[in-house]
N, C-alpha and C. Protein backbone atom coordinates (compact mmCIF):
# COMPACT_ATOMS: atom_id res chain seq x y z
N UNK A 1 6.31 68.89 106.82
CA UNK A 1 7.08 67.71 107.15
C UNK A 1 7.28 67.68 108.65
N UNK A 2 7.07 66.50 109.25
CA UNK A 2 7.26 66.33 110.68
C UNK A 2 8.72 66.19 111.03
N UNK A 3 8.99 66.23 112.33
CA UNK A 3 10.36 66.15 112.80
C UNK A 3 10.98 64.77 112.59
N UNK A 4 10.14 63.75 112.37
CA UNK A 4 10.67 62.40 112.19
C UNK A 4 10.96 62.07 110.72
N UNK A 5 10.74 62.98 109.81
CA UNK A 5 11.03 62.75 108.40
C UNK A 5 10.02 61.85 107.73
N UNK A 6 8.83 61.71 108.29
CA UNK A 6 7.81 60.80 107.77
C UNK A 6 7.40 61.18 106.34
N UNK A 7 7.28 62.46 106.07
CA UNK A 7 6.88 62.88 104.73
C UNK A 7 7.86 62.39 103.68
N UNK A 8 9.17 62.53 103.96
CA UNK A 8 10.18 62.08 103.00
C UNK A 8 10.13 60.57 102.81
N UNK A 9 9.92 59.86 103.90
CA UNK A 9 9.84 58.40 103.81
C UNK A 9 8.62 57.99 103.00
N UNK A 10 7.48 58.63 103.26
CA UNK A 10 6.27 58.32 102.52
C UNK A 10 6.44 58.67 101.05
N UNK A 11 6.99 59.84 100.77
CA UNK A 11 7.20 60.27 99.39
C UNK A 11 8.15 59.31 98.68
N UNK A 12 9.25 58.94 99.34
CA UNK A 12 10.23 58.02 98.73
C UNK A 12 9.64 56.65 98.45
N UNK A 13 8.87 56.13 99.41
CA UNK A 13 8.24 54.82 99.20
C UNK A 13 7.25 54.88 98.05
N UNK A 14 6.43 55.93 98.03
CA UNK A 14 5.43 56.07 96.97
C UNK A 14 6.09 56.21 95.61
N UNK A 15 7.10 57.08 95.52
CA UNK A 15 7.80 57.28 94.24
C UNK A 15 8.46 55.99 93.77
N UNK A 16 9.07 55.27 94.68
CA UNK A 16 9.72 54.00 94.31
C UNK A 16 8.68 53.00 93.84
N UNK A 17 7.55 52.92 94.55
CA UNK A 17 6.48 52.00 94.18
C UNK A 17 5.83 52.33 92.85
N UNK A 18 5.96 53.59 92.40
CA UNK A 18 5.38 53.98 91.11
C UNK A 18 6.19 53.49 89.92
N UNK A 19 7.38 52.97 90.16
CA UNK A 19 8.18 52.45 89.05
C UNK A 19 7.41 51.30 88.41
N UNK A 20 7.38 51.24 87.09
CA UNK A 20 6.57 50.22 86.39
C UNK A 20 6.90 48.80 86.86
N UNK A 21 5.88 48.09 87.28
CA UNK A 21 5.96 46.67 87.65
C UNK A 21 6.86 46.36 88.84
N UNK A 22 7.28 47.35 89.61
CA UNK A 22 8.18 47.07 90.74
C UNK A 22 7.49 46.22 91.80
N UNK A 23 6.28 46.60 92.20
CA UNK A 23 5.59 45.86 93.25
C UNK A 23 5.26 44.45 92.78
N UNK A 24 4.80 44.31 91.55
CA UNK A 24 4.50 42.96 91.05
C UNK A 24 5.78 42.13 90.90
N UNK A 25 6.89 42.75 90.55
CA UNK A 25 8.15 42.02 90.46
C UNK A 25 8.60 41.54 91.83
N UNK A 26 8.48 42.40 92.85
CA UNK A 26 8.84 42.00 94.21
C UNK A 26 7.93 40.86 94.67
N UNK A 27 6.65 40.95 94.34
CA UNK A 27 5.70 39.90 94.71
C UNK A 27 6.07 38.59 94.01
N UNK A 28 6.44 38.66 92.74
CA UNK A 28 6.86 37.46 92.02
C UNK A 28 8.14 36.86 92.60
N UNK A 29 9.03 37.70 93.13
CA UNK A 29 10.24 37.19 93.79
C UNK A 29 9.89 36.34 95.01
N UNK A 30 8.79 36.65 95.63
CA UNK A 30 8.35 35.90 96.80
C UNK A 30 7.57 34.65 96.39
N UNK A 31 6.69 34.80 95.42
CA UNK A 31 5.72 33.74 95.12
C UNK A 31 6.09 32.83 93.96
N UNK A 32 6.76 33.33 92.95
CA UNK A 32 6.96 32.55 91.72
C UNK A 32 8.42 32.18 91.44
N UNK A 33 9.33 33.14 91.59
CA UNK A 33 10.73 32.93 91.22
C UNK A 33 11.39 31.76 91.94
N UNK A 34 11.09 31.52 93.23
CA UNK A 34 11.81 30.45 93.93
C UNK A 34 11.76 29.08 93.26
N UNK A 35 10.68 28.78 92.54
CA UNK A 35 10.58 27.47 91.89
C UNK A 35 11.63 27.28 90.79
N UNK A 36 12.20 28.39 90.31
CA UNK A 36 13.20 28.30 89.25
C UNK A 36 14.63 28.38 89.78
N UNK A 37 14.80 28.45 91.08
CA UNK A 37 16.12 28.58 91.69
C UNK A 37 16.53 27.30 92.39
N UNK A 38 17.83 27.11 92.57
CA UNK A 38 18.28 25.96 93.37
C UNK A 38 17.74 26.07 94.81
N UNK A 39 17.54 24.94 95.44
CA UNK A 39 16.95 24.89 96.78
C UNK A 39 17.64 25.85 97.76
N UNK A 40 18.95 25.93 97.71
CA UNK A 40 19.70 26.75 98.69
C UNK A 40 19.51 28.26 98.49
N UNK A 41 18.92 28.68 97.37
CA UNK A 41 18.71 30.11 97.13
C UNK A 41 17.25 30.55 97.30
N UNK A 42 16.36 29.62 97.50
CA UNK A 42 14.93 29.95 97.55
C UNK A 42 14.57 30.80 98.77
N UNK A 43 15.09 30.45 99.91
CA UNK A 43 14.79 31.22 101.12
C UNK A 43 15.28 32.66 100.96
N UNK A 44 16.48 32.83 100.44
CA UNK A 44 17.06 34.17 100.30
C UNK A 44 16.22 35.07 99.40
N UNK A 45 15.77 34.56 98.26
CA UNK A 45 14.99 35.40 97.35
C UNK A 45 13.65 35.77 97.97
N UNK A 46 13.08 34.84 98.74
CA UNK A 46 11.82 35.17 99.41
C UNK A 46 12.02 36.25 100.47
N UNK A 47 13.07 36.14 101.25
CA UNK A 47 13.34 37.14 102.29
C UNK A 47 13.60 38.51 101.66
N UNK A 48 14.38 38.54 100.60
CA UNK A 48 14.67 39.82 99.93
C UNK A 48 13.40 40.43 99.33
N UNK A 49 12.59 39.60 98.68
CA UNK A 49 11.34 40.10 98.10
C UNK A 49 10.37 40.59 99.16
N UNK A 50 10.24 39.84 100.27
CA UNK A 50 9.36 40.28 101.36
C UNK A 50 9.87 41.57 101.99
N UNK A 51 11.17 41.67 102.16
CA UNK A 51 11.74 42.91 102.72
C UNK A 51 11.43 44.11 101.85
N UNK A 52 11.56 43.95 100.54
CA UNK A 52 11.25 45.03 99.62
C UNK A 52 9.76 45.39 99.68
N UNK A 53 8.89 44.38 99.69
CA UNK A 53 7.46 44.64 99.78
C UNK A 53 7.12 45.39 101.08
N UNK A 54 7.69 44.95 102.18
CA UNK A 54 7.43 45.61 103.47
C UNK A 54 7.86 47.07 103.40
N UNK A 55 9.05 47.32 102.88
CA UNK A 55 9.53 48.70 102.80
C UNK A 55 8.66 49.55 101.87
N UNK A 56 8.16 48.95 100.81
CA UNK A 56 7.33 49.71 99.87
C UNK A 56 5.96 50.06 100.45
N UNK A 57 5.39 49.19 101.25
CA UNK A 57 4.02 49.43 101.74
C UNK A 57 3.96 50.02 103.15
N UNK A 58 5.05 50.00 103.88
CA UNK A 58 5.01 50.43 105.28
C UNK A 58 4.57 51.89 105.43
N UNK A 59 5.10 52.78 104.60
CA UNK A 59 4.79 54.21 104.74
C UNK A 59 3.94 54.77 103.60
N UNK A 60 3.57 53.95 102.63
CA UNK A 60 2.86 54.46 101.47
C UNK A 60 1.47 53.83 101.33
N UNK A 61 0.46 54.65 101.55
CA UNK A 61 -0.92 54.18 101.39
C UNK A 61 -1.18 53.77 99.94
N UNK A 62 -0.60 54.49 98.98
CA UNK A 62 -0.78 54.16 97.58
C UNK A 62 -0.22 52.77 97.28
N UNK A 63 0.96 52.46 97.79
CA UNK A 63 1.56 51.15 97.55
C UNK A 63 0.77 50.04 98.26
N UNK A 64 0.27 50.33 99.46
CA UNK A 64 -0.57 49.34 100.15
C UNK A 64 -1.81 49.02 99.31
N UNK A 65 -2.45 50.08 98.82
CA UNK A 65 -3.65 49.90 97.99
C UNK A 65 -3.30 49.09 96.74
N UNK A 66 -2.20 49.43 96.11
CA UNK A 66 -1.77 48.73 94.89
C UNK A 66 -1.55 47.24 95.18
N UNK A 67 -0.90 46.91 96.28
CA UNK A 67 -0.66 45.52 96.63
C UNK A 67 -1.97 44.81 96.97
N UNK A 68 -2.85 45.50 97.68
CA UNK A 68 -4.14 44.89 98.07
C UNK A 68 -5.00 44.59 96.83
N UNK A 69 -4.89 45.40 95.80
CA UNK A 69 -5.71 45.22 94.60
C UNK A 69 -5.08 44.26 93.59
N UNK A 70 -3.84 43.89 93.79
CA UNK A 70 -3.14 43.02 92.84
C UNK A 70 -3.68 41.59 92.91
N UNK A 71 -3.73 40.94 91.75
CA UNK A 71 -4.15 39.54 91.68
C UNK A 71 -3.08 38.73 90.98
N UNK A 72 -3.01 37.45 91.33
CA UNK A 72 -2.06 36.55 90.69
C UNK A 72 -2.71 36.02 89.42
N UNK A 73 -1.95 35.99 88.33
CA UNK A 73 -2.46 35.54 87.05
C UNK A 73 -2.84 34.06 87.12
N UNK A 74 -3.94 33.74 86.46
CA UNK A 74 -4.35 32.34 86.35
C UNK A 74 -4.80 31.71 87.66
N UNK A 75 -5.02 32.52 88.69
CA UNK A 75 -5.47 31.98 89.96
C UNK A 75 -4.39 31.21 90.70
N UNK A 76 -3.14 31.38 90.30
CA UNK A 76 -2.07 30.63 90.96
C UNK A 76 -1.36 31.52 91.96
N UNK A 77 -1.24 30.98 93.13
CA UNK A 77 -0.46 31.64 94.16
C UNK A 77 0.88 30.93 94.24
N UNK A 78 1.37 30.77 95.43
CA UNK A 78 2.67 30.13 95.60
C UNK A 78 2.55 28.60 95.52
N UNK A 79 1.76 28.11 94.56
CA UNK A 79 1.50 26.68 94.45
C UNK A 79 2.50 26.05 93.50
N UNK A 80 3.73 25.97 93.92
CA UNK A 80 4.74 25.33 93.10
C UNK A 80 5.44 24.30 93.95
N UNK A 81 6.39 23.61 93.38
CA UNK A 81 7.05 22.51 94.07
C UNK A 81 7.83 22.98 95.30
N UNK A 82 8.06 24.28 95.43
CA UNK A 82 8.84 24.76 96.57
C UNK A 82 8.01 24.92 97.83
N UNK A 83 6.69 24.95 97.71
CA UNK A 83 5.89 25.17 98.90
C UNK A 83 4.75 24.17 99.10
N UNK A 84 4.39 23.40 98.09
CA UNK A 84 3.25 22.52 98.24
C UNK A 84 3.54 21.38 99.21
N UNK A 85 2.63 21.18 100.14
CA UNK A 85 2.74 20.06 101.08
C UNK A 85 1.57 19.10 100.91
N UNK A 86 0.38 19.66 100.78
CA UNK A 86 -0.82 18.84 100.71
C UNK A 86 -1.88 19.65 99.97
N UNK A 87 -2.95 18.99 99.53
CA UNK A 87 -4.03 19.75 98.90
C UNK A 87 -4.53 20.84 99.85
N UNK A 88 -4.82 22.01 99.30
CA UNK A 88 -5.24 23.13 100.12
C UNK A 88 -6.74 23.10 100.36
N UNK A 89 -7.18 23.55 101.54
CA UNK A 89 -8.61 23.67 101.79
C UNK A 89 -9.25 24.61 100.77
N UNK A 90 -10.55 24.45 100.55
CA UNK A 90 -11.22 25.23 99.52
C UNK A 90 -11.19 26.73 99.81
N UNK A 91 -11.16 27.13 101.08
CA UNK A 91 -11.14 28.56 101.37
C UNK A 91 -9.80 29.20 101.01
N UNK A 92 -8.76 28.38 100.78
CA UNK A 92 -7.45 28.91 100.39
C UNK A 92 -7.25 28.77 98.89
N UNK A 93 -7.50 27.58 98.35
CA UNK A 93 -7.30 27.35 96.93
C UNK A 93 -8.62 27.61 96.19
N UNK A 94 -8.59 28.52 95.26
CA UNK A 94 -9.80 28.82 94.51
C UNK A 94 -9.49 28.76 93.02
N UNK A 95 -10.48 28.42 92.19
CA UNK A 95 -10.23 28.29 90.76
C UNK A 95 -10.02 29.63 90.06
N UNK A 96 -10.52 30.73 90.62
CA UNK A 96 -10.39 32.03 89.99
C UNK A 96 -9.10 32.71 90.37
N UNK A 97 -8.99 33.99 90.01
CA UNK A 97 -7.80 34.74 90.37
C UNK A 97 -7.63 34.81 91.88
N UNK A 98 -6.40 34.80 92.31
CA UNK A 98 -6.06 34.83 93.74
C UNK A 98 -5.45 36.20 94.03
N UNK A 99 -5.98 36.88 95.04
CA UNK A 99 -5.42 38.19 95.38
C UNK A 99 -3.99 38.01 95.89
N UNK A 100 -3.20 39.06 95.77
CA UNK A 100 -1.82 39.03 96.23
C UNK A 100 -1.76 38.74 97.73
N UNK A 101 -2.66 39.35 98.48
CA UNK A 101 -2.68 39.13 99.93
C UNK A 101 -3.02 37.69 100.25
N UNK A 102 -4.02 37.13 99.56
CA UNK A 102 -4.38 35.72 99.77
C UNK A 102 -3.21 34.80 99.42
N UNK A 103 -2.48 35.12 98.36
CA UNK A 103 -1.32 34.32 97.97
C UNK A 103 -0.22 34.39 99.03
N UNK A 104 0.00 35.58 99.59
CA UNK A 104 1.00 35.72 100.66
C UNK A 104 0.58 34.96 101.91
N UNK A 105 -0.71 35.02 102.24
CA UNK A 105 -1.21 34.27 103.40
C UNK A 105 -1.07 32.77 103.15
N UNK A 106 -1.39 32.34 101.94
CA UNK A 106 -1.25 30.93 101.58
C UNK A 106 0.21 30.49 101.71
N UNK A 107 1.13 31.31 101.24
CA UNK A 107 2.55 31.00 101.36
C UNK A 107 2.94 30.87 102.84
N UNK A 108 2.48 31.80 103.67
CA UNK A 108 2.79 31.74 105.09
C UNK A 108 2.28 30.44 105.70
N UNK A 109 1.04 30.08 105.40
CA UNK A 109 0.45 28.86 105.96
C UNK A 109 1.24 27.63 105.51
N UNK A 110 1.61 27.59 104.23
CA UNK A 110 2.36 26.45 103.71
C UNK A 110 3.74 26.36 104.35
N UNK A 111 4.41 27.49 104.50
CA UNK A 111 5.76 27.47 105.10
C UNK A 111 5.68 27.12 106.59
N UNK A 112 4.62 27.58 107.26
CA UNK A 112 4.43 27.22 108.66
C UNK A 112 4.22 25.72 108.81
N UNK A 113 3.39 25.13 107.92
CA UNK A 113 3.16 23.68 107.95
C UNK A 113 4.45 22.92 107.69
N UNK A 114 5.25 23.41 106.75
CA UNK A 114 6.54 22.77 106.46
C UNK A 114 7.46 22.83 107.67
N UNK A 115 7.46 23.96 108.36
CA UNK A 115 8.32 24.10 109.55
C UNK A 115 7.86 23.16 110.67
N UNK A 116 6.55 23.03 110.85
CA UNK A 116 6.02 22.12 111.87
C UNK A 116 6.40 20.69 111.54
N UNK A 117 6.26 20.31 110.27
CA UNK A 117 6.62 18.96 109.83
C UNK A 117 8.11 18.70 110.02
N UNK A 118 8.95 19.65 109.63
CA UNK A 118 10.39 19.48 109.78
C UNK A 118 10.78 19.37 111.26
N UNK A 119 10.13 20.16 112.11
CA UNK A 119 10.43 20.10 113.54
C UNK A 119 10.02 18.74 114.11
N UNK A 120 8.87 18.22 113.69
CA UNK A 120 8.42 16.91 114.17
C UNK A 120 9.37 15.81 113.71
N UNK A 121 9.84 15.89 112.47
CA UNK A 121 10.79 14.89 111.97
C UNK A 121 12.11 14.96 112.73
N UNK A 122 12.56 16.16 113.03
CA UNK A 122 13.79 16.33 113.81
C UNK A 122 13.61 15.77 115.21
N UNK A 123 12.46 16.06 115.83
CA UNK A 123 12.17 15.52 117.16
C UNK A 123 12.18 14.00 117.15
N UNK A 124 11.59 13.39 116.08
CA UNK A 124 11.58 11.93 115.97
C UNK A 124 12.99 11.38 115.84
N UNK A 125 13.84 12.05 115.06
CA UNK A 125 15.22 11.59 114.92
C UNK A 125 15.97 11.65 116.25
N UNK A 126 15.72 12.71 117.00
CA UNK A 126 16.38 12.85 118.30
C UNK A 126 15.91 11.76 119.25
N UNK A 127 14.61 11.48 119.26
CA UNK A 127 14.07 10.45 120.14
C UNK A 127 14.58 9.06 119.77
N UNK A 128 14.79 8.83 118.47
CA UNK A 128 15.21 7.52 118.00
C UNK A 128 16.72 7.31 118.05
N UNK A 129 17.47 8.34 118.37
CA UNK A 129 18.92 8.22 118.39
C UNK A 129 19.34 7.18 119.43
N UNK A 130 20.25 6.28 119.05
CA UNK A 130 20.65 5.25 120.00
C UNK A 130 21.41 5.88 121.17
N UNK A 131 21.07 5.40 122.34
CA UNK A 131 21.76 5.87 123.54
C UNK A 131 23.00 5.02 123.74
N UNK A 132 24.13 5.64 124.06
CA UNK A 132 25.34 4.84 124.29
C UNK A 132 25.15 3.96 125.53
N UNK A 133 25.66 2.75 125.43
CA UNK A 133 25.58 1.83 126.56
C UNK A 133 26.46 2.35 127.70
N UNK A 134 25.90 2.30 128.88
CA UNK A 134 26.67 2.75 130.04
C UNK A 134 27.73 1.71 130.38
N UNK A 135 28.90 2.18 130.70
CA UNK A 135 30.01 1.29 131.08
C UNK A 135 29.74 0.77 132.48
N UNK A 136 29.50 -0.52 132.59
CA UNK A 136 29.19 -1.14 133.88
C UNK A 136 30.40 -1.83 134.48
N UNK A 137 31.57 -1.62 133.88
CA UNK A 137 32.75 -2.35 134.35
C UNK A 137 33.35 -1.77 135.63
N UNK A 138 32.87 -0.64 136.05
CA UNK A 138 33.40 -0.04 137.27
C UNK A 138 32.71 1.27 137.55
N UNK A 139 33.35 2.11 138.36
CA UNK A 139 32.78 3.40 138.70
C UNK A 139 33.89 4.38 139.05
N UNK A 140 33.58 5.67 138.90
CA UNK A 140 34.53 6.71 139.28
C UNK A 140 34.42 6.94 140.78
N UNK A 141 35.57 7.05 141.45
CA UNK A 141 35.59 7.34 142.87
C UNK A 141 36.64 8.41 143.14
N UNK A 142 36.32 9.28 144.10
CA UNK A 142 37.27 10.31 144.48
C UNK A 142 37.94 9.87 145.77
N UNK A 143 39.27 9.80 145.70
CA UNK A 143 40.05 9.42 146.88
C UNK A 143 41.27 10.28 146.97
N UNK A 144 41.49 10.87 148.10
CA UNK A 144 42.70 11.66 148.33
C UNK A 144 42.90 12.77 147.32
N UNK A 145 41.85 13.44 146.87
CA UNK A 145 41.97 14.54 145.94
C UNK A 145 42.10 14.11 144.49
N UNK A 146 42.05 12.81 144.20
CA UNK A 146 42.11 12.30 142.83
C UNK A 146 40.80 11.64 142.46
N UNK A 147 40.51 11.67 141.17
CA UNK A 147 39.38 10.89 140.68
C UNK A 147 39.96 9.65 140.03
N UNK A 148 39.41 8.50 140.42
CA UNK A 148 39.98 7.23 139.97
C UNK A 148 38.87 6.30 139.51
N UNK A 149 39.15 5.56 138.41
CA UNK A 149 38.21 4.55 137.94
C UNK A 149 38.50 3.27 138.70
N UNK A 150 37.49 2.80 139.40
CA UNK A 150 37.66 1.59 140.17
C UNK A 150 36.83 0.50 139.50
N UNK A 151 37.53 -0.53 139.05
CA UNK A 151 36.86 -1.62 138.31
C UNK A 151 36.07 -2.49 139.26
N UNK A 152 34.99 -3.04 138.72
CA UNK A 152 34.24 -4.04 139.46
C UNK A 152 35.12 -5.26 139.62
N UNK A 153 34.75 -6.17 140.50
CA UNK A 153 35.57 -7.35 140.79
C UNK A 153 35.88 -8.17 139.56
N UNK A 154 34.95 -8.28 138.62
CA UNK A 154 35.17 -9.14 137.44
C UNK A 154 36.11 -8.49 136.42
N UNK A 155 36.32 -7.16 136.46
CA UNK A 155 37.16 -6.46 135.49
C UNK A 155 38.33 -5.79 136.19
N UNK A 156 39.11 -6.50 136.92
CA UNK A 156 40.18 -5.89 137.70
C UNK A 156 41.31 -5.35 136.84
N UNK A 157 41.42 -5.78 135.55
CA UNK A 157 42.50 -5.31 134.69
C UNK A 157 42.24 -3.95 134.06
N UNK A 158 41.03 -3.46 134.11
CA UNK A 158 40.72 -2.21 133.41
C UNK A 158 40.79 -0.99 134.31
N UNK A 159 41.08 -1.15 135.56
CA UNK A 159 41.15 0.01 136.48
C UNK A 159 42.40 0.82 136.23
N UNK A 160 42.41 2.03 136.74
CA UNK A 160 43.59 2.88 136.58
C UNK A 160 43.25 4.29 136.95
N UNK A 161 44.27 5.11 137.02
CA UNK A 161 44.08 6.51 137.37
C UNK A 161 44.03 7.35 136.11
N UNK A 162 43.23 8.43 136.17
CA UNK A 162 43.11 9.35 135.04
C UNK A 162 43.31 10.76 135.51
């Protein structure tokens, strides 16, 4: 065992990953479960599932191999109402089984596209926001250490000190 405790970390990750269906369950938490949850909980379950997958494969070659060899049943990846934006290119969507890694990459691409779309919509809303009309009835002037609103000639009743 090295001084950094790597052996224990590797052993712990591998032993944890050997639990029946743990890696596939974590993968399903990322790819499948969100479609059955309310919108406000979908991000959380994905983050938790991804965190678990990262911890399981970071130090364990066995767990990495297991995840790399895993396939999604029925050729379905994260193609549910929570991530679909548009038809997928043929190199991403395939009729046969989809590897776990391909499904995770597909999820990333779909979420990235959703983020780009949301950012563009937000930018459009900001650009379209009405600008308040500038008050043309006078101007602020500093005189004798005070700031004072001085009305234009036509609005002499609205002047005053603030």
